[in-house]
Each structure stands twice: as C-alpha cells, then as structure tokens.
C-alpha cells in the first residue's frame, strides 16, 4: 500500500472510531430512538389526568437539561414543571412527531405543535384562536434516557397566529 493509501485508511479509521458509540454503548436504532423520546412528546400533549412532569422524569436522566439556546439550559425538575404548565395553559396542546433522524447518540425530531390557549398566552390576550407551529429538537440519548435536549420552537409564529385580525 502506498503512503497516500495508508493515510486514507488511517483517516477512514479515525472517522469510523469518532462516529462509533462508546464501548459498551447500545446502538441507537430508529426504533430505540423513538422509544426514548416518546414519553417526552406524550408529556407535551395535553390529556386529562396525564402527569406530564412524571412522563418527563421517566424519559430523562437525572442530570438531563433542556436547552432553548446555547447557554439557556434548565435543569430537569424545572423543565418538567414548565412542560406540565403548558398543558394547563393550552389544554388541547398536541405535539406531533413528524420526522425522526438518528446519528450516533443524537436524535433530531421535527415536530408540530397545535393548540388553543385557555387564556392570555405569550402576551397575546385570549381570543379563542389556535396556533400551529414547527419545532426542531436535538436530543442526546444515553442508556435509553434523554441526557440533553436542545430545542427551538416557532413561538413568534404562534404569536402572529393568535394576534391576527
């Protein structure tokens, strides 16, 4: 093998090692990814008698953080309480998983949230209108639990829809 051939083989090996799960880690298949994220999205969908906070806690590792920005992360208990609060503010909230992509220990979810707030919402007075927005979430899964979640939602789109004349 030539020197350039060895270099290419070494580079390929490094890429394979860098992209491989850690020793002893389970391979995150699309089915396992969906199983890991399902309780979180169930928590985001309002239903009578559903304990949203308990669903969040069941899906997440004890040190899980929910990040709405690069440096704006909430610890597990605070995030679970916030998610449970959404069900009260938007009693018909539905968060639907539209697409799931898996890469290593990461799960990217394209979602859609719909609902009709029960009162004033994000500074918009109650008007009985509904919203439909897209979300993008990037979850890190370790041992079947969410370890970190980055998320972005089109809340400005919701505000525009709720305040439209």
N, C-alpha and C. Protein backbone atom coordinates (compact mmCIF):
# COMPACT_ATOMS: atom_id res chain seq x y z
N UNK A 1 0.86 -1.17 0.00
CA UNK A 1 0.00 0.00 0.00
C UNK A 1 0.90 1.23 0.00
N UNK A 2 0.51 2.24 -0.75
CA UNK A 2 1.30 3.47 -0.84
C UNK A 2 1.08 4.31 0.41
N UNK A 3 1.93 5.32 0.57
CA UNK A 3 1.80 6.23 1.71
C UNK A 3 0.44 6.91 1.70
N UNK A 4 0.00 7.36 0.52
CA UNK A 4 -1.31 8.03 0.46
C UNK A 4 -2.44 7.04 0.77
N UNK A 5 -2.26 5.77 0.39
CA UNK A 5 -3.25 4.75 0.71
C UNK A 5 -3.36 4.53 2.21
N UNK A 6 -2.20 4.48 2.90
CA UNK A 6 -2.20 4.34 4.36
C UNK A 6 -2.85 5.54 5.02
N UNK A 7 -2.56 6.72 4.50
CA UNK A 7 -3.16 7.94 5.08
C UNK A 7 -4.68 7.90 4.95
N UNK A 8 -5.15 7.50 3.76
CA UNK A 8 -6.60 7.41 3.57
C UNK A 8 -7.21 6.36 4.50
N UNK A 9 -6.55 5.23 4.65
CA UNK A 9 -7.05 4.18 5.54
C UNK A 9 -7.07 4.67 6.98
N UNK A 10 -6.02 5.38 7.40
CA UNK A 10 -5.96 5.91 8.76
C UNK A 10 -7.06 6.95 8.98
N UNK A 11 -7.27 7.81 7.98
CA UNK A 11 -8.31 8.83 8.10
C UNK A 11 -9.69 8.18 8.19
N UNK A 12 -9.93 7.17 7.37
CA UNK A 12 -11.20 6.46 7.40
C UNK A 12 -11.39 5.78 8.76
N UNK A 13 -10.34 5.16 9.28
CA UNK A 13 -10.42 4.52 10.59
C UNK A 13 -10.73 5.53 11.68
N UNK A 14 -10.09 6.70 11.62
CA UNK A 14 -10.35 7.74 12.62
C UNK A 14 -11.80 8.21 12.56
N UNK A 15 -12.31 8.38 11.35
CA UNK A 15 -13.71 8.78 11.20
C UNK A 15 -14.66 7.73 11.76
N UNK A 16 -14.37 6.48 11.48
CA UNK A 16 -15.23 5.41 11.99
C UNK A 16 -15.19 5.34 13.50
N UNK A 17 -14.01 5.50 14.09
CA UNK A 17 -13.89 5.47 15.55
C UNK A 17 -14.59 6.67 16.16
N UNK A 18 -14.40 7.86 15.58
CA UNK A 18 -15.02 9.07 16.12
C UNK A 18 -16.53 9.00 16.06
N UNK A 19 -17.07 8.36 15.05
CA UNK A 19 -18.52 8.28 14.90
C UNK A 19 -19.15 7.10 15.60
N UNK A 20 -18.33 6.20 16.12
CA UNK A 20 -18.86 5.00 16.75
C UNK A 20 -19.29 5.28 18.17
N UNK A 21 -20.32 4.58 18.67
CA UNK A 21 -20.71 4.74 20.06
C UNK A 21 -19.59 4.26 20.98
N UNK A 22 -19.61 4.75 22.22
CA UNK A 22 -18.60 4.36 23.18
C UNK A 22 -18.64 2.88 23.49
N UNK A 23 -17.58 2.38 24.08
CA UNK A 23 -17.50 0.96 24.41
C UNK A 23 -18.68 0.58 25.29
N UNK A 24 -19.36 -0.47 24.93
CA UNK A 24 -20.48 -0.96 25.72
C UNK A 24 -21.78 -0.22 25.47
N UNK A 25 -21.76 0.83 24.66
CA UNK A 25 -22.99 1.58 24.40
C UNK A 25 -23.86 0.81 23.41
N UNK A 26 -25.17 0.91 23.62
CA UNK A 26 -26.10 0.28 22.69
C UNK A 26 -26.15 1.10 21.41
N UNK A 27 -26.36 0.42 20.30
CA UNK A 27 -26.57 1.12 19.05
C UNK A 27 -27.96 1.74 19.09
N UNK A 28 -28.03 3.01 18.80
CA UNK A 28 -29.31 3.70 18.83
C UNK A 28 -29.99 3.55 17.47
N UNK A 29 -30.89 2.61 17.39
CA UNK A 29 -31.65 2.36 16.17
C UNK A 29 -32.81 3.36 16.11
N UNK A 30 -33.43 3.53 14.96
CA UNK A 30 -34.61 4.40 14.91
C UNK A 30 -35.71 3.97 15.88
N UNK A 31 -35.93 2.67 16.04
CA UNK A 31 -36.95 2.20 16.99
C UNK A 31 -36.58 2.54 18.43
N UNK A 32 -35.31 2.35 18.78
CA UNK A 32 -34.87 2.69 20.15
C UNK A 32 -34.93 4.20 20.37
N UNK A 33 -34.59 4.96 19.34
CA UNK A 33 -34.67 6.42 19.45
C UNK A 33 -36.10 6.86 19.71
N UNK A 34 -37.04 6.32 18.94
CA UNK A 34 -38.45 6.66 19.12
C UNK A 34 -38.94 6.26 20.52
N UNK A 35 -38.51 5.11 21.00
CA UNK A 35 -38.90 4.67 22.35
C UNK A 35 -38.35 5.62 23.41
N UNK A 36 -37.15 6.12 23.20
CA UNK A 36 -36.53 7.03 24.18
C UNK A 36 -37.23 8.38 24.21
N UNK A 37 -37.64 8.90 23.06
CA UNK A 37 -38.23 10.24 23.01
C UNK A 37 -39.74 10.24 23.24
N UNK A 38 -40.40 9.11 23.00
CA UNK A 38 -41.87 9.05 23.07
C UNK A 38 -42.45 9.65 24.36
N UNK A 39 -41.95 9.31 25.56
CA UNK A 39 -42.57 9.87 26.77
C UNK A 39 -42.50 11.40 26.84
N UNK A 40 -41.44 11.99 26.30
CA UNK A 40 -41.33 13.45 26.31
C UNK A 40 -42.44 14.07 25.45
N UNK A 41 -42.66 13.53 24.28
CA UNK A 41 -43.69 14.08 23.39
C UNK A 41 -45.09 13.75 23.89
N UNK A 42 -45.24 12.65 24.62
CA UNK A 42 -46.52 12.38 25.28
C UNK A 42 -46.77 13.43 26.37
N UNK A 43 -45.71 13.81 27.08
CA UNK A 43 -45.83 14.84 28.11
C UNK A 43 -46.23 16.18 27.50
N UNK A 44 -45.77 16.44 26.29
CA UNK A 44 -46.08 17.70 25.61
C UNK A 44 -47.47 17.71 24.99
N UNK A 45 -48.17 16.60 25.03
CA UNK A 45 -49.53 16.51 24.50
C UNK A 45 -50.49 16.44 25.68
N UNK A 46 -51.32 17.48 25.82
CA UNK A 46 -52.23 17.57 26.95
C UNK A 46 -53.27 16.46 26.91
N UNK A 47 -53.56 15.91 28.07
CA UNK A 47 -54.62 14.91 28.19
C UNK A 47 -55.11 14.92 29.64
N UNK A 48 -56.43 14.81 29.84
CA UNK A 48 -56.95 14.80 31.20
C UNK A 48 -56.31 13.68 32.03
N UNK A 49 -55.87 14.03 33.22
CA UNK A 49 -55.30 13.04 34.13
C UNK A 49 -53.87 12.65 33.83
N UNK A 50 -53.30 13.16 32.77
CA UNK A 50 -51.92 12.81 32.42
C UNK A 50 -50.96 13.61 33.29
N UNK A 51 -50.01 12.93 33.90
CA UNK A 51 -48.99 13.58 34.72
C UNK A 51 -47.78 13.87 33.83
N UNK A 52 -47.80 15.06 33.22
CA UNK A 52 -46.75 15.42 32.26
C UNK A 52 -45.38 15.43 32.91
N UNK A 53 -45.29 15.95 34.13
CA UNK A 53 -43.99 16.01 34.80
C UNK A 53 -43.43 14.61 35.02
N UNK A 54 -44.28 13.66 35.41
CA UNK A 54 -43.82 12.28 35.63
C UNK A 54 -43.34 11.66 34.32
N UNK A 55 -44.01 11.95 33.21
CA UNK A 55 -43.56 11.44 31.91
C UNK A 55 -42.19 11.98 31.55
N UNK A 56 -41.99 13.28 31.80
CA UNK A 56 -40.68 13.88 31.52
C UNK A 56 -39.61 13.20 32.36
N UNK A 57 -39.89 13.03 33.64
CA UNK A 57 -38.91 12.40 34.53
C UNK A 57 -38.62 10.96 34.11
N UNK A 58 -39.62 10.26 33.60
CA UNK A 58 -39.41 8.87 33.18
C UNK A 58 -38.53 8.78 31.92
N UNK A 59 -38.53 9.82 31.12
CA UNK A 59 -37.78 9.80 29.85
C UNK A 59 -36.36 10.34 29.97
N UNK A 60 -36.06 10.98 31.09
CA UNK A 60 -34.80 11.72 31.19
C UNK A 60 -33.87 11.17 32.27
N UNK A 61 -32.58 11.36 32.02
CA UNK A 61 -31.56 11.01 33.01
C UNK A 61 -31.62 12.03 34.14
N UNK A 62 -31.15 11.68 35.34
CA UNK A 62 -31.21 12.61 36.47
C UNK A 62 -30.53 13.95 36.21
N UNK A 63 -29.49 13.97 35.37
CA UNK A 63 -28.78 15.22 35.10
C UNK A 63 -29.18 15.85 33.76
N UNK A 64 -30.32 15.42 33.19
CA UNK A 64 -30.81 15.97 31.93
C UNK A 64 -31.02 17.47 32.03
N UNK A 65 -30.70 18.17 30.96
CA UNK A 65 -31.00 19.59 30.85
C UNK A 65 -31.73 19.83 29.54
N UNK A 66 -32.62 20.80 29.56
CA UNK A 66 -33.40 21.22 28.41
C UNK A 66 -32.91 22.60 28.02
N UNK A 67 -32.38 22.73 26.80
CA UNK A 67 -31.73 23.97 26.38
C UNK A 67 -32.51 24.64 25.25
N UNK A 68 -32.98 25.85 25.52
CA UNK A 68 -33.66 26.64 24.50
C UNK A 68 -32.70 27.54 23.76
N UNK A 69 -31.44 27.47 24.10
CA UNK A 69 -30.37 28.23 23.45
C UNK A 69 -29.05 27.62 23.86
N UNK A 70 -27.97 28.11 23.28
CA UNK A 70 -26.66 27.53 23.59
C UNK A 70 -26.31 27.61 25.07
N UNK A 71 -26.69 28.71 25.72
CA UNK A 71 -26.36 28.89 27.13
C UNK A 71 -27.60 29.05 28.00
N UNK A 72 -28.75 28.67 27.49
CA UNK A 72 -30.01 28.83 28.21
C UNK A 72 -30.61 27.46 28.50
N UNK A 73 -30.05 26.78 29.50
CA UNK A 73 -30.49 25.43 29.83
C UNK A 73 -31.18 25.41 31.19
N UNK A 74 -32.22 24.60 31.28
CA UNK A 74 -32.94 24.42 32.54
C UNK A 74 -32.70 23.01 33.05
N UNK A 75 -32.53 22.88 34.38
CA UNK A 75 -32.37 21.54 34.94
C UNK A 75 -33.67 20.74 34.83
N UNK A 76 -33.55 19.47 35.02
CA UNK A 76 -34.63 18.50 34.82
C UNK A 76 -35.95 18.88 35.51
N UNK A 77 -35.91 19.16 36.80
CA UNK A 77 -37.14 19.43 37.55
C UNK A 77 -37.82 20.70 37.06
N UNK A 78 -37.02 21.74 36.78
CA UNK A 78 -37.59 23.00 36.29
C UNK A 78 -38.21 22.80 34.91
N UNK A 79 -37.54 22.08 34.04
CA UNK A 79 -38.07 21.82 32.70
C UNK A 79 -39.34 20.97 32.77
N UNK A 80 -39.36 19.97 33.64
CA UNK A 80 -40.54 19.11 33.78
C UNK A 80 -41.75 19.93 34.25
N UNK A 81 -41.52 20.85 35.19
CA UNK A 81 -42.61 21.71 35.67
C UNK A 81 -43.10 22.64 34.56
N UNK A 82 -42.18 23.18 33.77
CA UNK A 82 -42.57 24.07 32.67
C UNK A 82 -43.40 23.32 31.63
N UNK A 83 -42.99 22.11 31.30
CA UNK A 83 -43.74 21.30 30.33
C UNK A 83 -45.14 20.99 30.86
N UNK A 84 -45.24 20.66 32.14
CA UNK A 84 -46.55 20.39 32.75
C UNK A 84 -47.42 21.65 32.71
N UNK A 85 -46.80 22.82 32.86
CA UNK A 85 -47.54 24.09 32.81
C UNK A 85 -48.15 24.37 31.45
N UNK A 86 -47.49 23.91 30.39
CA UNK A 86 -48.03 24.12 29.04
C UNK A 86 -49.39 23.44 28.89
N UNK A 87 -49.56 22.28 29.50
CA UNK A 87 -50.83 21.56 29.39
C UNK A 87 -51.96 22.34 30.05
N UNK A 88 -51.65 23.11 31.07
CA UNK A 88 -52.66 23.94 31.72
C UNK A 88 -52.97 25.18 30.87
N UNK A 89 -51.93 25.78 30.31
CA UNK A 89 -52.11 26.99 29.50
C UNK A 89 -52.80 26.70 28.17
N UNK A 90 -52.51 25.51 27.62
CA UNK A 90 -53.07 25.12 26.32
C UNK A 90 -53.66 23.71 26.50
N UNK A 91 -54.91 23.63 27.00
CA UNK A 91 -55.47 22.33 27.37
C UNK A 91 -55.63 21.33 26.23
N UNK A 92 -55.63 21.80 24.99
CA UNK A 92 -55.73 20.86 23.86
C UNK A 92 -54.40 20.75 23.11
N UNK A 93 -53.31 21.09 23.79
CA UNK A 93 -51.99 21.05 23.16
C UNK A 93 -51.68 19.65 22.64
N UNK A 94 -51.23 19.60 21.40
CA UNK A 94 -50.80 18.34 20.80
C UNK A 94 -49.44 18.58 20.17
N UNK A 95 -48.47 17.75 20.51
CA UNK A 95 -47.13 17.86 19.93
C UNK A 95 -46.87 16.58 19.16
N UNK A 96 -46.90 16.69 17.86
CA UNK A 96 -46.79 15.53 16.99
C UNK A 96 -45.38 15.40 16.42
N UNK A 97 -44.85 14.20 16.49
CA UNK A 97 -43.56 13.90 15.88
C UNK A 97 -43.79 13.70 14.39
N UNK A 98 -43.16 14.54 13.57
CA UNK A 98 -43.32 14.46 12.12
C UNK A 98 -42.18 13.69 11.46
N UNK A 99 -40.98 13.81 12.03
CA UNK A 99 -39.81 13.16 11.43
C UNK A 99 -38.77 12.92 12.50
N UNK A 100 -38.09 11.79 12.43
CA UNK A 100 -37.02 11.44 13.37
C UNK A 100 -35.80 11.02 12.57
N UNK A 101 -34.67 11.64 12.88
CA UNK A 101 -33.38 11.28 12.27
C UNK A 101 -32.43 10.88 13.38
N UNK A 102 -31.68 9.82 13.18
CA UNK A 102 -30.76 9.31 14.20
C UNK A 102 -29.34 9.32 13.65
N UNK A 103 -28.42 9.85 14.46
CA UNK A 103 -27.00 9.83 14.12
C UNK A 103 -26.21 9.60 15.40
N UNK A 104 -25.61 8.43 15.52
CA UNK A 104 -24.87 8.11 16.75
C UNK A 104 -25.81 8.11 17.93
N UNK A 105 -25.50 8.94 18.94
CA UNK A 105 -26.36 9.03 20.13
C UNK A 105 -27.32 10.22 20.06
N UNK A 106 -27.43 10.84 18.89
CA UNK A 106 -28.28 12.01 18.72
C UNK A 106 -29.56 11.65 17.97
N UNK A 107 -30.64 12.28 18.40
CA UNK A 107 -31.93 12.11 17.75
C UNK A 107 -32.46 13.50 17.41
N UNK A 108 -32.70 13.74 16.15
CA UNK A 108 -33.27 15.01 15.70
C UNK A 108 -34.74 14.77 15.39
N UNK A 109 -35.58 15.62 15.97
CA UNK A 109 -37.02 15.48 15.79
C UNK A 109 -37.58 16.77 15.18
N UNK A 110 -38.29 16.61 14.07
CA UNK A 110 -39.07 17.72 13.52
C UNK A 110 -40.49 17.48 14.01
N UNK A 111 -41.00 18.43 14.77
CA UNK A 111 -42.31 18.27 15.36
C UNK A 111 -43.26 19.39 14.98
N UNK A 112 -44.52 19.18 15.32
CA UNK A 112 -45.54 20.20 15.09
C UNK A 112 -46.41 20.29 16.33
N UNK A 113 -46.56 21.50 16.84
CA UNK A 113 -47.41 21.75 17.99
C UNK A 113 -48.64 22.52 17.55
N UNK A 114 -49.79 22.09 18.05
CA UNK A 114 -51.05 22.78 17.78
C UNK A 114 -51.79 22.94 19.09
N UNK A 115 -52.58 23.99 19.17
CA UNK A 115 -53.38 24.17 20.37
C UNK A 115 -54.10 25.50 20.39
N UNK A 116 -55.00 25.61 21.36
CA UNK A 116 -55.78 26.81 21.58
C UNK A 116 -55.59 27.22 23.04
N UNK A 117 -54.87 28.31 23.31
CA UNK A 117 -54.66 28.72 24.69
C UNK A 117 -55.98 28.99 25.43
N UNK A 118 -55.99 28.67 26.72
CA UNK A 118 -57.18 28.87 27.55
C UNK A 118 -57.30 30.30 28.05
N UNK A 119 -56.25 31.07 27.93
CA UNK A 119 -56.24 32.46 28.39
C UNK A 119 -55.17 33.22 27.63
N UNK A 120 -54.76 34.35 28.19
CA UNK A 120 -53.68 35.12 27.57
C UNK A 120 -52.46 34.20 27.43
N UNK A 121 -51.75 34.36 26.32
CA UNK A 121 -50.63 33.45 26.03
C UNK A 121 -49.52 34.24 25.36
N UNK A 122 -48.35 34.23 25.97
CA UNK A 122 -47.17 34.91 25.43
C UNK A 122 -47.47 36.36 25.10
N UNK A 123 -48.20 37.01 25.98
CA UNK A 123 -48.51 38.42 25.82
C UNK A 123 -49.70 38.72 24.92
N UNK A 124 -50.32 37.71 24.36
CA UNK A 124 -51.48 37.91 23.49
C UNK A 124 -52.75 37.65 24.31
N UNK A 125 -53.66 38.64 24.36
CA UNK A 125 -54.90 38.42 25.10
C UNK A 125 -55.68 37.23 24.53
N UNK A 126 -56.44 36.59 25.39
CA UNK A 126 -57.23 35.43 24.95
C UNK A 126 -58.23 35.86 23.88
N UNK A 127 -58.25 35.12 22.79
CA UNK A 127 -59.18 35.43 21.71
C UNK A 127 -59.82 34.19 21.12
N UNK A 128 -59.53 33.02 21.71
CA UNK A 128 -60.11 31.78 21.22
C UNK A 128 -59.46 31.23 19.97
N UNK A 129 -58.37 31.85 19.52
CA UNK A 129 -57.69 31.38 18.31
C UNK A 129 -56.70 30.26 18.64
N UNK A 130 -56.38 29.50 17.61
CA UNK A 130 -55.43 28.39 17.74
C UNK A 130 -54.14 28.72 17.02
N UNK A 131 -53.11 27.92 17.31
CA UNK A 131 -51.83 28.06 16.61
C UNK A 131 -51.37 26.70 16.11
N UNK A 132 -50.47 26.74 15.13
CA UNK A 132 -49.81 25.55 14.59
C UNK A 132 -48.38 26.00 14.29
N UNK A 133 -47.41 25.38 14.98
CA UNK A 133 -46.01 25.76 14.79
C UNK A 133 -45.12 24.54 14.60
N UNK A 134 -43.95 24.79 14.05
CA UNK A 134 -42.95 23.74 13.88
C UNK A 134 -41.92 23.83 15.00
N UNK A 135 -41.36 22.69 15.35
CA UNK A 135 -40.26 22.65 16.32
C UNK A 135 -39.16 21.74 15.77
N UNK A 136 -37.95 22.03 16.19
CA UNK A 136 -36.80 21.18 15.89
C UNK A 136 -36.11 20.90 17.22
N UNK A 137 -35.91 19.63 17.53
CA UNK A 137 -35.27 19.23 18.78
C UNK A 137 -34.10 18.32 18.46
N UNK A 138 -33.01 18.50 19.22
CA UNK A 138 -31.85 17.62 19.10
C UNK A 138 -31.61 17.03 20.49
N UNK A 139 -31.84 15.73 20.60
CA UNK A 139 -31.70 15.03 21.88
C UNK A 139 -30.46 14.16 21.86
N UNK A 140 -29.75 14.12 22.98
CA UNK A 140 -28.67 13.15 23.17
C UNK A 140 -29.23 12.05 24.06
N UNK A 141 -29.10 10.80 23.61
CA UNK A 141 -29.64 9.66 24.34
C UNK A 141 -28.49 8.82 24.87
N UNK A 142 -28.52 8.54 26.17
CA UNK A 142 -27.52 7.70 26.82
C UNK A 142 -28.26 6.64 27.64
N UNK A 143 -27.97 5.39 27.37
CA UNK A 143 -28.61 4.27 28.07
C UNK A 143 -30.13 4.36 28.03
N UNK A 144 -30.68 4.76 26.88
CA UNK A 144 -32.12 4.79 26.70
C UNK A 144 -32.83 5.99 27.29
N UNK A 145 -32.09 6.92 27.89
CA UNK A 145 -32.69 8.11 28.50
C UNK A 145 -32.15 9.37 27.83
N UNK A 146 -32.96 10.42 27.83
CA UNK A 146 -32.50 11.70 27.30
C UNK A 146 -31.50 12.29 28.29
N UNK A 147 -30.33 12.66 27.78
CA UNK A 147 -29.29 13.24 28.62
C UNK A 147 -29.20 14.75 28.44
N UNK A 148 -29.56 15.24 27.25
CA UNK A 148 -29.55 16.67 26.95
C UNK A 148 -30.48 16.88 25.77
N UNK A 149 -31.21 17.99 25.81
CA UNK A 149 -32.11 18.32 24.69
C UNK A 149 -31.94 19.79 24.34
N UNK A 150 -31.69 20.03 23.07
CA UNK A 150 -31.72 21.39 22.53
C UNK A 150 -33.01 21.49 21.73
N UNK A 151 -33.70 22.61 21.86
CA UNK A 151 -34.98 22.74 21.16
C UNK A 151 -35.21 24.18 20.72
N UNK A 152 -35.90 24.28 19.60
CA UNK A 152 -36.32 25.59 19.11
C UNK A 152 -37.73 25.43 18.55
N UNK A 153 -38.59 26.36 18.94
CA UNK A 153 -39.98 26.34 18.50
C UNK A 153 -40.29 27.69 17.86
N UNK A 154 -41.21 27.71 16.95
CA UNK A 154 -41.61 28.95 16.27
C UNK A 154 -42.68 29.68 17.08
N UNK A 155 -42.31 30.12 18.30
CA UNK A 155 -43.29 30.79 19.15
C UNK A 155 -43.72 32.14 18.57
N UNK A 156 -42.85 32.79 17.80
CA UNK A 156 -43.27 34.05 17.16
C UNK A 156 -44.37 33.76 16.14
N UNK A 157 -44.28 32.62 15.47
CA UNK A 157 -45.36 32.22 14.56
C UNK A 157 -46.66 32.02 15.32
N UNK A 158 -46.58 31.44 16.51
CA UNK A 158 -47.78 31.26 17.34
C UNK A 158 -48.36 32.61 17.72
N UNK A 159 -47.50 33.53 18.12
CA UNK A 159 -47.96 34.87 18.50
C UNK A 159 -48.65 35.55 17.31
N UNK A 160 -48.05 35.45 16.13
CA UNK A 160 -48.67 36.05 14.93
C UNK A 160 -50.05 35.44 14.67
N UNK A 161 -50.14 34.13 14.78
CA UNK A 161 -51.42 33.46 14.52
C UNK A 161 -52.48 33.84 15.55
N UNK A 162 -52.07 33.93 16.81
CA UNK A 162 -53.02 34.25 17.88
C UNK A 162 -53.46 35.71 17.86
N UNK A 163 -52.61 36.59 17.33
CA UNK A 163 -52.94 38.02 17.33
C UNK A 163 -53.46 38.51 15.98
N UNK A 164 -53.61 37.63 15.01
CA UNK A 164 -54.10 38.03 13.68
C UNK A 164 -55.53 38.53 13.78
N UNK A 165 -55.83 39.54 13.01
CA UNK A 165 -57.19 40.12 12.99
C UNK A 165 -58.05 39.44 11.98
